[in-house]
Amino acid sequence: MYQDLHQLLRFTRINEIVGDVIRLRARDVALGDMAVVENTNGEQSLARVIGLQRDVASLQVFAGGKGLSTDATVQFLGRPLDVVYSPNILGRIFRGSGEPMDGGPDLSGDPHVNVAGPTVNPVKRVMPSKMIETRVPMIDLFNCLVESQKIPIFSIAGEPHSELLARIGFQADADVLVFGGLGLIFDDYHFFRTAFEEHGVFARTVMFVNQASDPLVERLLVPDMVLAVAEKFAVEENKRVLVLLTDMTAYADAMKEIGVAQERIPAVRGYMGDLYTQLAQRYEKACDFKGAGSVTILTVTTMPGDDVTHPVPDNTGYITEGQFYLHGGVIDPFGSLSRLKQHVIGKSTREDHSQIMNTMIRFYSEATEAQRKQAMAFELSPFDHKLLKFGNLFRKRFMDIRVSMGVIEALDLCWQTLAECFEPQELLMKQNLVDKYFPQQSSQSGK
């Protein structure tokens, strides 16, 4: 299976097997180096050096430690993991080991690129200034996704985060889509593949998938493979690349499990002390390259128990530039935040965007207060009834993640919604914008 791999060092005694981790005495090896483990029955598996302590190397075996003999041989390859990169990988699906899993043509002869390289020199970064239109109104109107941004979708089990991530993937204005699945059940993997195929974006998509039944170590390799390929498309092909990763909590859990196997001392809630560093190294790959393309990273981070103080979302919040908070099946307008939206609102979009965004959120906030008054049987004013009508229209027209419309169309619908609920003088907006965009005929005049 791995006969073509160059064999540099060979060791024939394994000192210890703990789960999927093996330990042996070795020399001249580096952290992250790849090896081939050949069992006594001839079966081979890739392995990766995940720890070094003096002359003892710890390796994570991709195929697992079950049935592995201490008499197995370990052959170090003298290089870190690499992944195939060429235009031929578009429309292909790979395992977490980097091997194709779709039955397509062999790509072993194509160029390869090392994974887990350094982040980009800040001098080569360009200030984010371009919007990625997703056709999801709650993103495009209120928390714009900006090219080269890194931003998570905070969610909990049972929320439609897969549906939202797939929808952004096939609707977003990007040249290349690179998807990474971390510990996916088969149904989720099939859902993403089918969604990309049915909406005509599979030909410009690359998928790296680690399923729940696959080796744990491959789960840690998927983000690095995805980002290495995305960076190559951006730098060498001048492509605007959108990276989708789900679920980063599964990634952190895999780090925790491997850390326990290495007998490392855990920190908060059993996670390793370098959790922040490991997450940041991946997220910081997001970049708008000077004179080239860009890499934008959108991930799903599930919050166990809907606890935003859980170590994974908590650390993520310090690294990323905001979050999309998926709550109750919709993107919560109050919990979501894009710290880079000021770079594009009113610049890449229409002049009324900022005023519309603020006015719509203000009225929706007041509508939720009116709903509370109604629930407690307080007397409602005529303006409260207008707010209730607005709140219902806002949820129906904008908050449903299945709604799809361009940003200009959404801005026009915002004005129409305001006109159906309020008089122009009640908007408290700049008069020149009201005069220019407020519909002359509205349901108000027909009351």
Protein backbone atom coordinates (compact mmCIF):
# COMPACT_ATOMS: atom_id res chain seq x y z
CA MET A 1 0.00 0.00 0.00
CA TYR A 2 2.79 2.40 0.86
CA GLN A 3 5.59 0.79 -1.15
CA ASP A 4 6.28 4.02 -3.01
CA LEU A 5 7.09 5.86 0.21
CA HIS A 6 10.78 6.52 0.74
CA GLN A 7 12.00 4.53 3.75
CA LEU A 8 14.67 6.33 5.77
CA LEU A 9 14.64 4.87 9.28
CA ARG A 10 13.31 1.49 10.36
CA PHE A 11 12.67 0.28 13.91
CA THR A 12 11.50 -3.17 14.88
CA ARG A 13 10.53 -2.88 18.54
CA ILE A 14 7.49 -1.08 19.95
CA ASN A 15 7.81 -0.44 23.67
CA GLU A 16 4.20 0.36 24.47
CA ILE A 17 0.73 0.47 22.88
CA VAL A 18 -1.86 2.72 24.58
CA GLY A 19 -5.08 2.87 22.61
CA ASP A 20 -4.12 4.16 19.17
CA VAL A 21 -0.77 5.54 20.37
CA ILE A 22 2.45 3.58 20.15
CA ARG A 23 5.76 4.46 21.82
CA LEU A 24 9.22 3.37 20.78
CA ARG A 25 12.81 4.49 21.05
CA ALA A 26 13.82 6.37 17.90
CA ARG A 27 16.41 8.85 16.72
CA ASP A 28 16.55 11.61 14.11
CA VAL A 29 12.78 12.08 13.97
CA ALA A 30 10.79 15.31 14.28
CA LEU A 31 7.39 16.21 15.62
CA GLY A 32 4.81 15.73 12.88
CA ASP A 33 6.92 13.29 10.85
CA MET A 34 5.06 10.50 9.08
CA ALA A 35 5.78 6.79 9.40
CA VAL A 36 4.48 3.49 8.09
CA VAL A 37 3.61 0.84 10.68
CA GLU A 38 3.68 -2.72 9.32
CA ASN A 39 2.08 -5.36 11.54
CA THR A 40 3.33 -8.92 11.72
CA ASN A 41 0.53 -10.04 9.38
CA GLY A 42 1.70 -7.61 6.68
CA GLU A 43 -1.02 -4.99 7.20
CA GLN A 44 0.23 -1.43 6.90
CA SER A 45 -0.97 1.88 8.30
CA LEU A 46 0.23 5.42 8.31
CA ALA A 47 1.22 6.96 11.63
CA ARG A 48 2.27 10.40 12.76
CA VAL A 49 4.70 11.53 15.44
CA ILE A 50 2.66 13.41 18.03
CA GLY A 51 5.12 13.51 20.93
CA LEU A 52 8.84 13.39 21.65
CA GLN A 53 10.42 12.88 25.06
CA ARG A 54 14.18 12.49 24.87
CA ASP A 55 14.65 9.42 22.66
CA VAL A 56 11.07 8.12 22.99
CA ALA A 57 8.68 8.95 20.16
CA SER A 58 4.89 8.70 20.45
CA LEU A 59 3.01 7.99 17.23
CA GLN A 60 -0.70 8.07 16.52
CA VAL A 61 -1.58 5.10 14.29
CA PHE A 62 -4.20 5.98 11.70
CA ALA A 63 -5.73 2.50 11.61
CA GLY A 64 -5.76 2.26 15.40
CA GLY A 65 -3.89 0.07 17.84
CA LYS A 66 -6.35 -2.81 17.87
CA GLY A 67 -4.60 -6.05 16.87
CA LEU A 68 -1.22 -4.33 16.60
CA SER A 69 1.77 -6.34 17.81
CA THR A 70 4.79 -4.96 19.65
CA ASP A 71 6.83 -6.83 17.01
CA ALA A 72 5.48 -4.57 14.25
CA THR A 73 8.02 -2.54 12.28
CA VAL A 74 7.95 1.25 12.09
CA GLN A 75 9.52 2.99 9.10
CA PHE A 76 9.92 6.76 9.36
CA LEU A 77 9.58 8.77 6.16
CA GLY A 78 11.57 11.80 7.20
CA ARG A 79 8.89 14.30 6.20
CA PRO A 80 5.62 15.71 7.52
CA LEU A 81 2.23 14.84 6.08
CA ASP A 82 1.47 16.18 2.62
CA VAL A 83 -1.67 16.31 0.52
CA VAL A 84 -2.24 16.28 -3.22
CA TYR A 85 -2.81 19.67 -4.80
CA SER A 86 -3.65 20.31 -8.44
CA PRO A 87 -6.70 21.45 -10.43
CA ASN A 88 -7.64 17.77 -10.61
CA ILE A 89 -8.76 17.73 -6.97
CA LEU A 90 -11.81 19.90 -7.73
CA GLY A 91 -14.93 17.77 -7.54
CA ARG A 92 -13.13 15.11 -5.49
CA ILE A 93 -13.63 13.72 -1.98
CA PHE A 94 -10.74 12.65 0.26
CA ARG A 95 -10.42 10.87 3.58
CA GLY A 96 -8.72 12.40 6.58
CA SER A 97 -5.56 10.56 5.53
CA GLY A 98 -5.54 12.41 2.20
CA GLU A 99 -6.50 9.36 0.13
CA PRO A 100 -9.40 9.65 -2.36
CA MET A 101 -12.62 7.99 -1.15
CA ASP A 102 -14.85 8.63 -4.15
CA GLY A 103 -13.51 5.94 -6.47
CA GLY A 104 -12.18 8.53 -8.92
CA PRO A 105 -8.88 8.49 -10.86
CA ASP A 106 -5.61 7.99 -9.00
CA LEU A 107 -3.93 11.30 -8.13
CA SER A 108 -0.69 9.98 -6.60
CA GLY A 109 1.32 11.40 -9.50
CA ASP A 110 0.00 14.94 -9.01
CA PRO A 111 1.97 17.55 -7.05
CA HIS A 112 1.74 17.46 -3.26
CA VAL A 113 1.95 20.22 -0.67
CA ASN A 114 2.95 19.96 2.98
CA VAL A 115 0.20 20.56 5.53
CA ALA A 116 0.41 22.55 8.77
CA GLY A 117 2.71 25.21 7.35
CA PRO A 118 3.25 28.61 8.98
CA THR A 119 0.67 31.39 8.88
CA VAL A 120 1.03 34.27 6.45
CA ASN A 121 3.48 37.10 7.02
CA PRO A 122 1.37 40.09 8.19
CA VAL A 123 3.15 42.26 5.62
CA LYS A 124 1.56 40.17 2.88
CA ARG A 125 -1.96 40.60 4.29
CA VAL A 126 -4.44 43.07 2.84
CA MET A 127 -7.00 44.90 4.98
CA PRO A 128 -10.40 43.17 4.52
CA SER A 129 -12.59 45.30 2.27
CA LYS A 130 -14.77 42.98 0.15
CA MET A 131 -18.04 41.36 1.06
CA ILE A 132 -18.90 37.72 0.38
CA GLU A 133 -22.59 37.69 -0.47
CA THR A 134 -24.25 34.58 0.98
CA ARG A 135 -27.89 35.35 0.03
CA VAL A 136 -28.80 34.68 3.69
CA PRO A 137 -30.50 37.93 4.81
CA MET A 138 -29.53 37.66 8.48
CA ILE A 139 -25.88 37.54 7.40
CA ASP A 140 -25.80 39.88 4.42
CA LEU A 141 -27.96 42.56 6.05
CA PHE A 142 -26.95 42.50 9.69
CA ASN A 143 -23.60 40.69 10.06
CA CYS A 144 -21.81 40.69 6.72
CA LEU A 145 -19.35 37.94 5.92
CA VAL A 146 -16.18 39.74 4.81
CA GLU A 147 -13.56 38.25 2.53
CA SER A 148 -10.65 36.81 4.60
CA GLN A 149 -12.78 36.75 7.77
CA LYS A 150 -12.67 33.89 10.25
CA ILE A 151 -16.02 33.37 11.93
CA PRO A 152 -17.84 30.45 13.62
CA ILE A 153 -21.48 29.42 13.76
CA PHE A 154 -22.21 28.86 17.46
CA SER A 155 -24.87 26.19 17.73
CA ILE A 156 -26.14 23.28 19.83
CA ALA A 157 -27.14 19.74 18.99
CA GLY A 158 -30.45 19.66 17.17
CA GLU A 159 -30.06 23.06 15.52
CA PRO A 160 -29.94 23.09 11.68
CA HIS A 161 -26.29 24.17 11.54
CA SER A 162 -25.50 21.67 8.76
CA GLU A 163 -28.32 23.06 6.64
CA LEU A 164 -27.10 26.62 7.23
CA LEU A 165 -23.46 25.78 6.49
CA ALA A 166 -24.38 23.94 3.28
CA ARG A 167 -26.66 26.78 2.19
CA ILE A 168 -23.90 29.34 2.68
CA GLY A 169 -21.55 27.04 0.76
CA PHE A 170 -23.63 26.71 -2.39
CA GLN A 171 -25.00 30.28 -2.31
CA ALA A 172 -21.86 32.23 -1.38
CA ASP A 173 -20.03 34.35 -3.93
CA ALA A 174 -16.74 32.39 -3.94
CA ASP A 175 -14.54 30.82 -6.62
CA VAL A 176 -13.59 27.63 -4.76
CA LEU A 177 -15.26 25.82 -1.87
CA VAL A 178 -13.11 23.63 0.41
CA PHE A 179 -15.10 21.56 2.89
CA GLY A 180 -13.75 19.74 5.94
CA GLY A 181 -15.92 17.26 7.86
CA LEU A 182 -14.78 16.32 11.37
CA GLY A 183 -16.32 13.22 12.91
CA LEU A 184 -19.38 13.33 10.66
CA ILE A 185 -22.02 10.62 10.80
CA PHE A 186 -22.75 9.19 7.36
CA ASP A 187 -26.09 11.01 7.07
CA ASP A 188 -24.38 14.39 7.49
CA TYR A 189 -21.63 13.51 5.01
CA HIS A 190 -24.25 12.40 2.47
CA PHE A 191 -26.27 15.56 3.10
CA PHE A 192 -23.35 17.89 2.34
CA ARG A 193 -22.26 15.94 -0.73
CA THR A 194 -25.80 15.84 -2.11
CA ALA A 195 -26.40 19.53 -1.38
CA PHE A 196 -23.27 20.59 -3.26
CA GLU A 197 -24.07 18.30 -6.19
CA GLU A 198 -27.71 19.33 -6.51
CA HIS A 199 -26.93 23.04 -6.45
CA GLY A 200 -24.21 22.83 -9.09
CA VAL A 201 -21.14 23.78 -7.03
CA PHE A 202 -19.54 20.34 -6.68
CA ALA A 203 -17.28 20.92 -9.70
CA ARG A 204 -15.54 23.76 -7.81
CA THR A 205 -15.59 21.99 -4.43
CA VAL A 206 -13.01 19.85 -2.64
CA MET A 207 -14.15 17.73 0.30
CA PHE A 208 -12.00 16.23 3.08
CA VAL A 209 -14.14 14.00 5.27
CA ASN A 210 -13.42 12.23 8.54
CA GLN A 211 -16.43 10.16 9.52
CA ALA A 212 -17.27 9.19 13.08
CA SER A 213 -16.08 5.62 12.40
CA ASP A 214 -12.74 6.73 10.94
CA PRO A 215 -9.46 6.91 12.91
CA LEU A 216 -9.34 9.71 15.44
CA VAL A 217 -5.99 11.08 14.32
CA GLU A 218 -7.40 11.82 10.87
CA ARG A 219 -9.83 14.20 12.52
CA LEU A 220 -6.88 16.34 13.57
CA LEU A 221 -5.40 16.30 10.08
CA VAL A 222 -8.50 17.42 8.16
CA PRO A 223 -8.31 21.17 9.05
CA ASP A 224 -4.62 21.27 8.11
CA MET A 225 -5.27 19.56 4.77
CA VAL A 226 -8.23 21.81 4.01
CA LEU A 227 -6.30 24.97 4.80
CA ALA A 228 -3.16 23.90 2.93
CA VAL A 229 -5.20 23.28 -0.22
CA ALA A 230 -7.21 26.50 0.24
CA GLU A 231 -4.04 28.55 0.62
CA LYS A 232 -2.60 27.09 -2.59
CA PHE A 233 -5.74 27.93 -4.57
CA ALA A 234 -5.66 31.48 -3.20
CA VAL A 235 -1.95 32.15 -3.74
CA GLU A 236 -1.23 30.26 -6.97
CA GLU A 237 -4.60 30.47 -8.72
CA ASN A 238 -5.76 33.89 -7.37
CA LYS A 239 -9.02 32.31 -6.21
CA ARG A 240 -11.46 33.59 -3.59
CA VAL A 241 -11.67 30.49 -1.42
CA LEU A 242 -14.36 29.77 1.17
CA VAL A 243 -13.41 27.15 3.76
CA LEU A 244 -16.19 25.32 5.63
CA LEU A 245 -15.32 23.22 8.70
CA THR A 246 -17.72 21.27 10.92
CA ASP A 247 -17.56 20.59 13.80
CA MET A 248 -14.65 22.28 15.61
CA THR A 249 -15.84 20.94 18.96
CA ALA A 250 -15.32 17.41 17.61
CA TYR A 251 -11.82 18.54 16.60
CA ALA A 252 -11.11 19.80 20.13
CA ASP A 253 -12.51 16.59 21.64
CA ALA A 254 -10.14 14.58 19.46
CA MET A 255 -7.23 16.67 20.75
CA LYS A 256 -8.39 15.98 24.30
CA GLU A 257 -8.59 12.24 23.74
CA ILE A 258 -5.15 12.05 22.19
CA GLY A 259 -3.75 14.23 24.98
CA VAL A 260 -5.09 11.74 27.53
CA ALA A 261 -3.44 8.88 25.63
CA GLN A 262 -0.17 10.82 25.80
CA GLU A 263 -0.65 11.15 29.57
CA ARG A 264 -0.60 14.94 29.34
CA ILE A 265 -1.97 16.97 32.23
CA PRO A 266 -5.36 18.44 31.24
CA ALA A 267 -6.55 21.96 31.94
CA VAL A 268 -10.18 23.19 32.02
CA ARG A 269 -12.79 20.41 31.68
CA GLY A 270 -10.20 17.91 30.51
CA TYR A 271 -9.03 19.90 27.48
CA MET A 272 -5.32 20.40 26.96
CA GLY A 273 -3.69 23.67 27.95
CA ASP A 274 -2.73 24.49 24.35
CA LEU A 275 -6.33 24.43 23.08
CA TYR A 276 -6.28 28.17 22.32
CA THR A 277 -2.97 27.89 20.44
CA GLN A 278 -4.09 24.90 18.37
CA LEU A 279 -7.35 26.61 17.35
CA ALA A 280 -5.63 29.93 16.62
CA GLN A 281 -3.03 28.28 14.35
CA ARG A 282 -5.86 27.08 12.13
CA TYR A 283 -8.11 30.14 12.21
CA GLU A 284 -5.21 32.49 11.47
CA LYS A 285 -4.87 30.91 8.02
CA ALA A 286 -7.70 33.21 6.95
CA CYS A 287 -6.10 35.90 4.83
CA ASP A 288 -6.55 38.32 1.94
CA PHE A 289 -3.24 37.95 0.10
CA LYS A 290 -1.57 40.97 -1.44
CA GLY A 291 -1.67 40.54 -5.22
CA ALA A 292 -3.47 37.18 -5.00
CA GLY A 293 -6.70 35.62 -3.77
CA SER A 294 -8.14 35.11 -0.30
CA VAL A 295 -9.08 32.44 2.24
CA THR A 296 -12.25 32.93 4.30
CA ILE A 297 -12.99 30.48 7.12
CA LEU A 298 -16.49 29.64 8.32
CA THR A 299 -16.86 26.89 10.92
CA VAL A 300 -19.48 25.23 13.09
CA THR A 301 -18.75 25.14 16.82
CA THR A 302 -21.34 23.28 18.86
CA MET A 303 -21.76 24.34 22.48
CA PRO A 304 -22.40 21.40 24.85
CA GLY A 305 -25.40 22.28 27.01
CA ASP A 306 -25.77 25.60 25.16
CA ASP A 307 -22.91 26.84 27.32
CA VAL A 308 -21.02 29.67 25.64
CA THR A 309 -18.43 29.54 28.47
CA HIS A 310 -17.48 25.98 27.44
CA PRO A 311 -13.71 25.96 26.66
CA VAL A 312 -14.15 25.47 22.89
CA PRO A 313 -16.57 28.36 22.11
CA ASP A 314 -14.95 30.47 24.82
CA ASN A 315 -11.47 30.19 23.28
CA THR A 316 -12.90 30.50 19.79
CA GLY A 317 -14.50 33.82 20.64
CA TYR A 318 -11.12 35.34 21.46
CA ILE A 319 -9.64 34.21 18.13
CA THR A 320 -12.37 34.92 15.60
CA GLU A 321 -13.96 38.15 14.38
CA GLY A 322 -17.43 37.58 15.73
CA GLN A 323 -19.91 34.71 15.48
CA PHE A 324 -23.21 33.70 13.93
CA TYR A 325 -25.35 32.46 16.82
CA LEU A 326 -27.85 29.84 15.67
CA HIS A 327 -30.64 29.64 18.21
CA GLY A 328 -34.18 28.29 17.90
CA GLY A 329 -33.63 27.42 14.24
CA VAL A 330 -32.73 31.00 13.24
CA ILE A 331 -29.67 33.24 13.30
CA ASP A 332 -30.18 35.26 16.47
CA PRO A 333 -29.90 38.99 15.62
CA PHE A 334 -28.85 39.81 19.19
CA GLY A 335 -26.28 37.06 19.81
CA SER A 336 -24.60 37.33 16.40
CA LEU A 337 -21.76 39.69 15.60
CA SER A 338 -19.43 40.43 12.70
CA ARG A 339 -16.60 42.72 13.78
CA LEU A 340 -15.56 43.39 10.19
CA LYS A 341 -18.93 44.43 8.78
CA GLN A 342 -18.02 48.14 9.04
CA HIS A 343 -15.40 47.52 6.35
CA VAL A 344 -18.06 46.77 3.73
CA ILE A 345 -21.42 48.24 4.84
CA GLY A 346 -22.15 51.29 2.72
CA LYS A 347 -18.93 50.75 0.75
CA SER A 348 -19.42 47.39 -0.99
CA THR A 349 -23.17 47.73 -0.45
CA ARG A 350 -25.81 50.43 -0.95
CA GLU A 351 -25.72 53.75 0.89
CA ASP A 352 -28.81 52.96 2.99
CA HIS A 353 -27.43 49.67 4.36
CA SER A 354 -26.18 51.01 7.68
CA GLN A 355 -29.37 52.94 8.46
CA ILE A 356 -31.61 50.04 7.46
CA MET A 357 -29.59 47.58 9.56
CA ASN A 358 -29.81 49.73 12.69
CA THR A 359 -33.49 50.61 12.22
CA MET A 360 -34.62 47.03 11.59
CA ILE A 361 -32.78 45.71 14.66
CA ARG A 362 -34.09 48.58 16.79
CA PHE A 363 -37.68 47.90 15.82
CA TYR A 364 -37.27 44.15 16.27
CA SER A 365 -35.88 44.71 19.76
CA GLU A 366 -38.90 46.86 20.56
CA ALA A 367 -41.16 44.20 19.02
CA THR A 368 -39.82 41.56 21.43
CA GLU A 369 -40.59 43.94 24.31
CA ALA A 370 -44.11 44.40 22.97
CA GLN A 371 -44.47 40.62 22.84
CA ARG A 372 -43.53 40.37 26.51
CA LYS A 373 -46.12 43.01 27.39
CA GLN A 374 -48.72 41.10 25.43
CA ALA A 375 -47.79 37.81 27.14
CA MET A 376 -48.23 39.45 30.56
CA ALA A 377 -51.62 40.91 29.52
CA PHE A 378 -50.49 44.54 29.69
CA GLU A 379 -52.45 47.09 27.73
CA LEU A 380 -50.87 47.67 24.32
CA SER A 381 -50.61 51.03 22.58
CA PRO A 382 -51.34 51.51 18.87
CA PHE A 383 -47.58 51.68 18.29
CA ASP A 384 -47.15 48.36 20.15
CA HIS A 385 -49.54 46.75 17.66
CA LYS A 386 -47.42 48.12 14.81
CA LEU A 387 -44.34 46.61 16.47
CA LEU A 388 -46.03 43.22 16.80
CA LYS A 389 -46.90 43.24 13.11
CA PHE A 390 -43.34 44.22 12.26
CA GLY A 391 -41.90 41.45 14.45
CA ASN A 392 -43.98 38.80 12.70
CA LEU A 393 -42.98 40.04 9.25
CA PHE A 394 -39.31 40.30 10.27
CA ARG A 395 -39.17 36.70 11.46
CA LYS A 396 -41.00 35.41 8.38
CA ARG A 397 -39.17 37.41 5.73
CA PHE A 398 -35.62 37.59 7.09
CA MET A 399 -34.87 35.23 9.99
CA ASP A 400 -35.78 31.91 8.35
CA ILE A 401 -32.47 30.39 7.20
CA ARG A 402 -34.21 28.94 4.14
CA VAL A 403 -34.93 32.44 2.80
CA SER A 404 -32.62 33.29 -0.10
CA MET A 405 -32.25 36.73 -1.64
CA GLY A 406 -29.53 39.12 -2.78
CA VAL A 407 -28.50 42.02 -0.59
CA ILE A 408 -30.13 44.69 -2.81
CA GLU A 409 -33.36 42.72 -2.94
CA ALA A 410 -33.21 42.32 0.86
CA LEU A 411 -32.68 46.07 1.37
CA ASP A 412 -35.71 46.82 -0.80
CA LEU A 413 -37.78 44.31 1.16
CA CYS A 414 -36.68 46.02 4.39
CA TRP A 415 -38.07 49.33 3.15
CA GLN A 416 -41.27 47.60 2.05
CA THR A 417 -41.65 45.95 5.47
CA LEU A 418 -41.12 49.27 7.25
CA ALA A 419 -43.69 50.91 4.97
CA GLU A 420 -46.25 48.23 5.78
CA CYS A 421 -45.90 48.83 9.51
CA PHE A 422 -44.90 52.45 10.15
CA GLU A 423 -45.28 56.00 8.93
CA PRO A 424 -42.15 57.69 7.50
CA GLN A 425 -41.85 60.04 10.48
CA GLU A 426 -41.79 57.09 12.89
CA LEU A 427 -38.61 55.63 11.40
CA LEU A 428 -36.18 58.19 12.89
CA MET A 429 -33.88 57.77 9.92
CA LYS A 430 -31.97 60.23 7.74
CA GLN A 431 -34.58 62.16 5.79
CA ASN A 432 -32.71 62.01 2.48
CA LEU A 433 -32.72 58.19 2.63
CA VAL A 434 -36.41 58.08 3.57
CA ASP A 435 -37.25 60.39 0.66
CA LYS A 436 -35.24 58.26 -1.74
CA TYR A 437 -36.13 54.69 -0.71
CA PHE A 438 -39.39 54.71 1.30
CA PRO A 439 -42.19 53.28 -0.91
CA GLN A 440 -44.71 55.93 -1.85
CA GLN A 441 -47.64 53.54 -1.49
CA SER A 442 -47.90 51.28 1.56
CA SER A 443 -50.48 49.31 3.46
CA GLN A 444 -50.53 52.17 5.97
CA SER A 445 -52.34 54.40 3.50
CA GLY A 446 -54.94 51.70 2.91
CA LYS A 447 -55.94 51.29 6.54
